[in-house]
C-alpha cells in the first residue's frame, strides 16, 4: 500500500481533532463540575437524572402538602384547646350556679359570663386558616356557625392532603358538626349554653345542677377530638421526617449520577493535555519540507 503525504496529514488531523475534543470535554467537566452537559454525552445517565429529578419534584410537592397539613392541624389543635378551656370554665360556673345560697343577682352575673363564653365559642367555631374556615367541611368560604340561630351551615366532608406516594392521604379538618354536636342543623353545644343561661337567669339551681352532666359530655367530646388531632400531628411529624430523608437520598443519588470526580477529572485532563501536546509535536514532524523543496 502506497502511503502518500496527504494520507499522513489526514490521519494526523483526525487524531488531532479527537485529542482536542477529549481535552475540551475534560475542560467542560472541570468548569461545570458535571459528568455531562449534553444528553449525547451520556444518554443513560441523563435518563437516570431525569427520573431522579421527577422523584425529587414529587417529593417536594408531598413536603409542601405535609407542611400545610401540619399548619392546619396546629391551628385546629389551638382552637380545640381554647374550646376545651371555655367548656371547663362553663363547668366551673355551672357548679357555682348550682349553689342554692346564691342570690338572684349573683345568678344573673354568672348568666352574663355564660353568654360571653358562648360568643367566644362561636368565634372559635369560625376559626380560619389561610382564609378558609377550618370547621366548615368543604364550605370553607363562609362562616359555619351563627350565634343567633345556633345553626351550622358547613358540611361533614373531610379535606385530605396527599402526603406520600401510592395515594397516601391525610384528613386534616374536623367537621364542625362533630365538634359542636350538631343535630338537625343545630349545635347542641350552643343550645346547651342558651339553656344554661336561661336556668341561671330564672334562678333555677336544680336545673343548673342537672346540666353539669351535659357540660361534661361536651367537654369529653372536645377532648376526644383533640386526641385524634394530636395523633395526626404525631403522624405528620413522622411523614415529614421520612420526606426529608427521601429528599436527602434523592440529592445524594443525583450528585452521584451527575457530579464529576474532580480528582479523576484533573488527572485525566492533565493526561489529555500531554497527549494533545504530543500530537502537536507529531504534526510538526509530519508537515516538513518535501522532496520538491530540496530540488528547487
Protein backbone atom coordinates (compact mmCIF):
# COMPACT_ATOMS: atom_id res chain seq x y z
CA UNK A 1 0.00 0.00 0.00
CA UNK A 2 1.38 3.36 -1.01
CA UNK A 3 1.35 5.95 1.79
CA UNK A 4 1.05 9.45 0.48
CA UNK A 5 1.80 12.72 2.15
CA UNK A 6 -1.88 13.66 2.09
CA UNK A 7 -2.83 10.41 3.86
CA UNK A 8 -0.39 11.16 6.67
CA UNK A 9 -1.76 14.67 7.09
CA UNK A 10 -5.36 13.43 7.01
CA UNK A 11 -4.67 10.78 9.66
CA UNK A 12 -2.86 13.35 11.78
CA UNK A 13 -5.75 15.83 11.59
CA UNK A 14 -8.27 13.13 12.57
CA UNK A 15 -6.23 12.17 15.62
CA UNK A 16 -5.57 15.83 16.40
CA UNK A 17 -9.28 16.75 16.44
CA UNK A 18 -10.09 13.67 18.55
CA UNK A 19 -7.48 14.69 21.12
CA UNK A 20 -8.73 18.28 21.06
CA UNK A 21 -12.34 17.16 21.56
CA UNK A 22 -11.33 14.94 24.50
CA UNK A 23 -9.39 17.86 26.00
CA UNK A 24 -12.38 20.18 25.59
CA UNK A 25 -14.69 17.63 27.21
CA UNK A 26 -12.36 17.40 30.19
CA UNK A 27 -12.22 21.19 30.49
CA UNK A 28 -16.04 21.34 30.42
CA UNK A 29 -16.24 18.76 33.20
CA UNK A 30 -13.73 20.73 35.24
CA UNK A 31 -15.55 24.06 34.81
CA UNK A 32 -19.10 22.71 35.30
CA UNK A 33 -18.34 20.02 37.87
CA UNK A 34 -20.70 17.69 35.96
CA UNK A 35 -20.04 14.46 34.13
CA UNK A 36 -22.14 15.61 31.19
CA UNK A 37 -23.55 18.83 29.81
CA UNK A 38 -25.46 17.44 26.84
CA UNK A 39 -27.70 14.37 26.50
CA UNK A 40 -25.36 12.98 23.87
CA UNK A 41 -22.52 12.89 26.41
CA UNK A 42 -24.16 10.04 28.37
CA UNK A 43 -27.79 9.22 27.40
CA UNK A 44 -28.22 6.60 30.14
CA UNK A 45 -27.00 8.94 32.88
CA UNK A 46 -29.21 11.76 31.55
CA UNK A 47 -32.28 9.48 31.64
CA UNK A 48 -31.41 8.48 35.21
CA UNK A 49 -31.06 12.11 36.25
CA UNK A 50 -34.45 12.94 34.74
CA UNK A 51 -36.09 10.15 36.74
CA UNK A 52 -34.40 11.29 39.95
CA UNK A 53 -35.41 14.92 39.37
CA UNK A 54 -39.00 13.82 38.74
CA UNK A 55 -38.98 11.94 42.04
CA UNK A 56 -37.50 14.98 43.78
CA UNK A 57 -40.18 17.27 42.36
CA UNK A 58 -42.89 14.86 43.52
CA UNK A 59 -41.24 14.63 46.94
CA UNK A 60 -41.16 18.44 47.18
CA UNK A 61 -44.90 18.53 46.47
CA UNK A 62 -45.54 15.98 49.23
CA UNK A 63 -43.35 18.02 51.58
CA UNK A 64 -45.32 21.18 50.85
CA UNK A 65 -48.60 19.33 51.46
CA UNK A 66 -47.26 17.89 54.70
CA UNK A 67 -46.18 21.35 55.90
CA UNK A 68 -49.59 22.76 55.02
CA UNK A 69 -51.33 19.84 56.74
CA UNK A 70 -49.28 20.35 59.89
CA UNK A 71 -50.10 24.06 59.99
CA UNK A 72 -53.80 23.26 59.56
CA UNK A 73 -53.67 20.67 62.35
CA UNK A 74 -51.79 23.02 64.67
CA UNK A 75 -54.41 25.73 64.16
CA UNK A 76 -57.10 23.13 64.81
CA UNK A 77 -55.39 21.93 67.98
CA UNK A 78 -55.10 25.51 69.24
CA UNK A 79 -58.82 26.08 68.58
CA UNK A 80 -59.70 22.83 70.38
CA UNK A 81 -57.58 23.90 73.32
CA UNK A 82 -59.50 27.17 73.53
CA UNK A 83 -62.84 25.40 73.26
CA UNK A 84 -61.81 22.98 75.99
CA UNK A 85 -60.86 25.87 78.28
CA UNK A 86 -64.19 27.57 77.59
CA UNK A 87 -66.10 24.41 78.48
CA UNK A 88 -64.03 23.93 81.60
CA UNK A 89 -64.90 27.47 82.66
CA UNK A 90 -68.55 26.78 81.83
CA UNK A 91 -68.49 23.78 84.13
CA UNK A 92 -66.99 25.84 86.95
CA UNK A 93 -69.73 28.44 86.52
CA UNK A 94 -72.42 25.73 86.41
CA UNK A 95 -71.14 24.23 89.65
CA UNK A 96 -71.13 27.69 91.20
CA UNK A 97 -74.63 28.43 89.89
CA UNK A 98 -75.97 25.18 91.36
CA UNK A 99 -75.24 26.53 94.83
CA UNK A 100 -78.59 27.30 96.40
CA UNK A 101 -77.18 30.08 98.58
CA UNK A 102 -76.53 32.41 95.62
CA UNK A 103 -78.75 35.45 95.21
CA UNK A 104 -80.62 36.22 92.01
CA UNK A 105 -78.14 39.00 91.27
CA UNK A 106 -75.27 36.53 91.54
CA UNK A 107 -77.06 34.11 89.20
CA UNK A 108 -77.58 36.83 86.59
CA UNK A 109 -73.90 37.78 86.69
CA UNK A 110 -72.99 34.16 86.04
CA UNK A 111 -75.51 34.08 83.17
CA UNK A 112 -73.85 37.10 81.59
CA UNK A 113 -70.48 35.37 81.66
CA UNK A 114 -72.05 32.28 80.14
CA UNK A 115 -73.21 34.39 77.21
CA UNK A 116 -69.72 35.84 76.78
CA UNK A 117 -68.33 32.31 76.74
CA UNK A 118 -70.88 31.29 74.11
CA UNK A 119 -69.87 34.18 71.89
CA UNK A 120 -66.25 33.12 72.20
CA UNK A 121 -67.21 29.54 71.33
CA UNK A 122 -68.82 30.77 68.10
CA UNK A 123 -65.63 32.66 67.27
CA UNK A 124 -63.61 29.51 67.87
CA UNK A 125 -66.00 27.57 65.63
CA UNK A 126 -65.39 30.16 62.90
CA UNK A 127 -61.59 29.92 63.13
CA UNK A 128 -59.84 30.48 59.81
CA UNK A 129 -56.58 29.22 58.35
CA UNK A 130 -55.23 30.96 55.27
CA UNK A 131 -58.65 32.46 54.58
CA UNK A 132 -60.51 29.14 54.99
CA UNK A 133 -62.88 28.20 57.80
CA UNK A 134 -61.36 25.06 59.27
CA UNK A 135 -64.55 23.60 60.79
CA UNK A 136 -66.82 24.09 57.74
CA UNK A 137 -66.02 20.89 55.82
CA UNK A 138 -65.80 21.69 52.11
CA UNK A 139 -67.65 25.00 52.56
CA UNK A 140 -64.54 26.82 53.67
CA UNK A 141 -65.52 30.16 52.14
CA UNK A 142 -68.26 31.03 54.66
CA UNK A 143 -68.53 31.04 58.45
CA UNK A 144 -70.13 27.75 59.58
CA UNK A 145 -71.62 28.93 62.89
CA UNK A 146 -74.18 31.57 63.77
CA UNK A 147 -74.57 32.84 67.31
CA UNK A 148 -78.22 33.83 66.99
CA UNK A 149 -79.69 30.67 65.47
CA UNK A 150 -77.11 28.22 66.88
CA UNK A 151 -77.05 26.76 63.36
CA UNK A 152 -74.32 25.04 61.37
CA UNK A 153 -74.01 25.85 57.65
CA UNK A 154 -70.98 23.67 56.91
CA UNK A 155 -70.93 20.02 55.81
CA UNK A 156 -69.47 16.74 57.04
CA UNK A 157 -66.81 16.31 54.34
CA UNK A 158 -63.13 15.78 55.06
CA UNK A 159 -60.34 17.75 53.40
CA UNK A 160 -57.49 15.41 52.51
CA UNK A 161 -53.89 16.24 51.65
CA UNK A 162 -51.74 13.80 49.67
CA UNK A 163 -48.58 13.44 51.71
CA UNK A 164 -46.94 10.43 50.11
CA UNK A 165 -46.85 8.11 47.09
CA UNK A 166 -49.45 5.46 46.49
CA UNK A 167 -52.40 7.65 47.46
CA UNK A 168 -51.13 8.28 50.98
CA UNK A 169 -53.63 10.90 52.14
CA UNK A 170 -54.49 12.51 55.46
CA UNK A 171 -57.72 14.22 56.50
CA UNK A 172 -56.70 17.48 58.18
CA UNK A 173 -60.04 19.03 59.11
CA UNK A 174 -62.58 18.36 61.83
CA UNK A 175 -66.18 18.88 60.70
CA UNK A 176 -67.89 21.37 62.96
CA UNK A 177 -70.91 19.11 63.07
CA UNK A 178 -68.98 16.68 65.23
CA UNK A 179 -67.12 19.20 67.31
CA UNK A 180 -70.22 21.25 68.18
CA UNK A 181 -72.56 18.23 68.37
CA UNK A 182 -74.81 19.30 65.50
CA UNK A 183 -78.17 17.55 65.23
CA UNK A 184 -80.63 18.59 62.52
CA UNK A 185 -78.51 21.61 61.61
CA UNK A 186 -78.48 22.93 65.19
CA UNK A 187 -75.49 22.85 67.55
CA UNK A 188 -76.43 21.08 70.75
CA UNK A 189 -73.40 22.67 72.42
CA UNK A 190 -74.62 26.20 71.72
CA UNK A 191 -78.18 25.21 72.62
CA UNK A 192 -76.88 23.95 75.95
CA UNK A 193 -75.24 27.30 76.62
CA UNK A 194 -78.57 29.08 75.99
CA UNK A 195 -80.43 26.70 78.30
CA UNK A 196 -77.82 27.17 81.00
CA UNK A 197 -78.11 30.93 80.69
CA UNK A 198 -81.91 30.75 80.97
CA UNK A 199 -81.73 28.50 84.02
CA UNK A 200 -79.35 30.91 85.71
CA UNK A 201 -81.48 33.94 84.89
CA UNK A 202 -84.54 32.16 86.28
CA UNK A 203 -82.67 31.25 89.45
CA UNK A 204 -83.34 27.54 88.88
CA UNK A 205 -80.49 25.97 90.87
CA UNK A 206 -81.72 22.42 90.33
CA UNK A 207 -81.86 22.82 86.56
CA UNK A 208 -78.36 24.31 86.54
CA UNK A 209 -77.11 21.37 88.59
CA UNK A 210 -78.62 18.83 86.19
CA UNK A 211 -76.86 20.48 83.24
CA UNK A 212 -73.39 19.85 84.64
CA UNK A 213 -73.54 16.36 83.12
CA UNK A 214 -74.31 17.91 79.71
CA UNK A 215 -71.27 20.15 80.02
CA UNK A 216 -69.13 17.13 80.91
CA UNK A 217 -70.43 15.29 77.84
CA UNK A 218 -69.48 18.17 75.54
CA UNK A 219 -66.09 18.52 77.20
CA UNK A 220 -65.43 14.81 76.75
CA UNK A 221 -66.28 15.13 73.06
CA UNK A 222 -63.84 18.01 72.59
CA UNK A 223 -61.09 16.10 74.39
CA UNK A 224 -61.73 13.06 72.19
CA UNK A 225 -61.45 15.14 69.02
CA UNK A 226 -58.30 16.80 70.30
CA UNK A 227 -56.72 13.41 70.98
CA UNK A 228 -57.34 12.44 67.34
CA UNK A 229 -55.80 15.69 66.12
CA UNK A 230 -52.79 15.09 68.37
CA UNK A 231 -52.33 11.62 66.88
CA UNK A 232 -52.40 13.12 63.38
CA UNK A 233 -49.80 15.71 64.40
CA UNK A 234 -47.53 12.89 65.57
CA UNK A 235 -48.08 11.07 62.29
CA UNK A 236 -47.36 14.17 60.20
CA UNK A 237 -44.07 14.61 62.09
CA UNK A 238 -43.08 11.07 61.07
CA UNK A 239 -44.11 11.77 57.48
CA UNK A 240 -42.07 14.97 57.39
CA UNK A 241 -39.01 13.13 58.69
CA UNK A 242 -39.41 10.44 56.04
CA UNK A 243 -39.83 13.01 53.27
CA UNK A 244 -36.75 14.84 54.50
CA UNK A 245 -34.75 11.61 54.43
CA UNK A 246 -36.08 10.80 50.94
CA UNK A 247 -35.03 14.23 49.72
CA UNK A 248 -31.54 13.69 51.15
CA UNK A 249 -31.29 10.30 49.43
CA UNK A 250 -32.50 11.71 46.10
CA UNK A 251 -29.97 14.54 46.33
CA UNK A 252 -27.18 12.07 47.06
CA UNK A 253 -28.22 9.85 44.12
CA UNK A 254 -28.39 12.84 41.77
CA UNK A 255 -24.96 14.02 42.90
CA UNK A 256 -23.51 10.54 42.41
CA UNK A 257 -25.03 10.33 38.92
CA UNK A 258 -24.12 13.84 37.73
CA UNK A 259 -21.19 15.23 39.71
CA UNK A 260 -17.76 14.58 38.36
CA UNK A 261 -14.90 13.18 40.45
CA UNK A 262 -12.73 16.28 40.37
CA UNK A 263 -9.52 14.46 41.29
CA UNK A 264 -10.09 12.00 38.46
CA UNK A 265 -11.08 14.81 36.07
CA UNK A 266 -7.91 16.79 36.79
CA UNK A 267 -5.77 13.68 36.36
CA UNK A 268 -7.41 12.79 33.06
CA UNK A 269 -7.26 16.39 31.90
CA UNK A 270 -3.53 16.50 32.53
CA UNK A 271 -3.08 13.29 30.57
CA UNK A 272 -5.24 14.59 27.70
CA UNK A 273 -3.24 17.80 27.68
CA UNK A 274 0.01 15.84 27.37
CA UNK A 275 -1.46 13.75 24.56
CA UNK A 276 -2.62 16.91 22.81
CA UNK A 277 0.82 18.47 23.09
CA UNK A 278 2.37 15.26 21.76
CA UNK A 279 0.02 15.28 18.78
CA UNK A 280 1.05 18.85 18.01
CA UNK A 281 4.71 17.81 18.16
CA UNK A 282 3.99 14.83 15.90
CA UNK A 283 2.19 17.10 13.45
CA UNK A 284 5.18 19.38 13.28
CA UNK A 285 7.29 16.39 12.24
CA UNK A 286 4.82 15.15 9.66
CA UNK A 287 4.35 18.51 7.94
CA UNK A 288 8.03 19.01 6.99
CA UNK A 289 9.66 20.18 3.73
CA UNK A 290 9.03 17.72 0.92
CA UNK A 291 11.45 16.46 -1.82
CA UNK A 292 10.34 19.27 -4.13
CA UNK A 293 11.57 21.83 -1.63
CA UNK A 294 15.06 20.36 -1.82
CA UNK A 295 15.04 20.24 -5.65
CA UNK A 296 14.44 23.98 -6.02
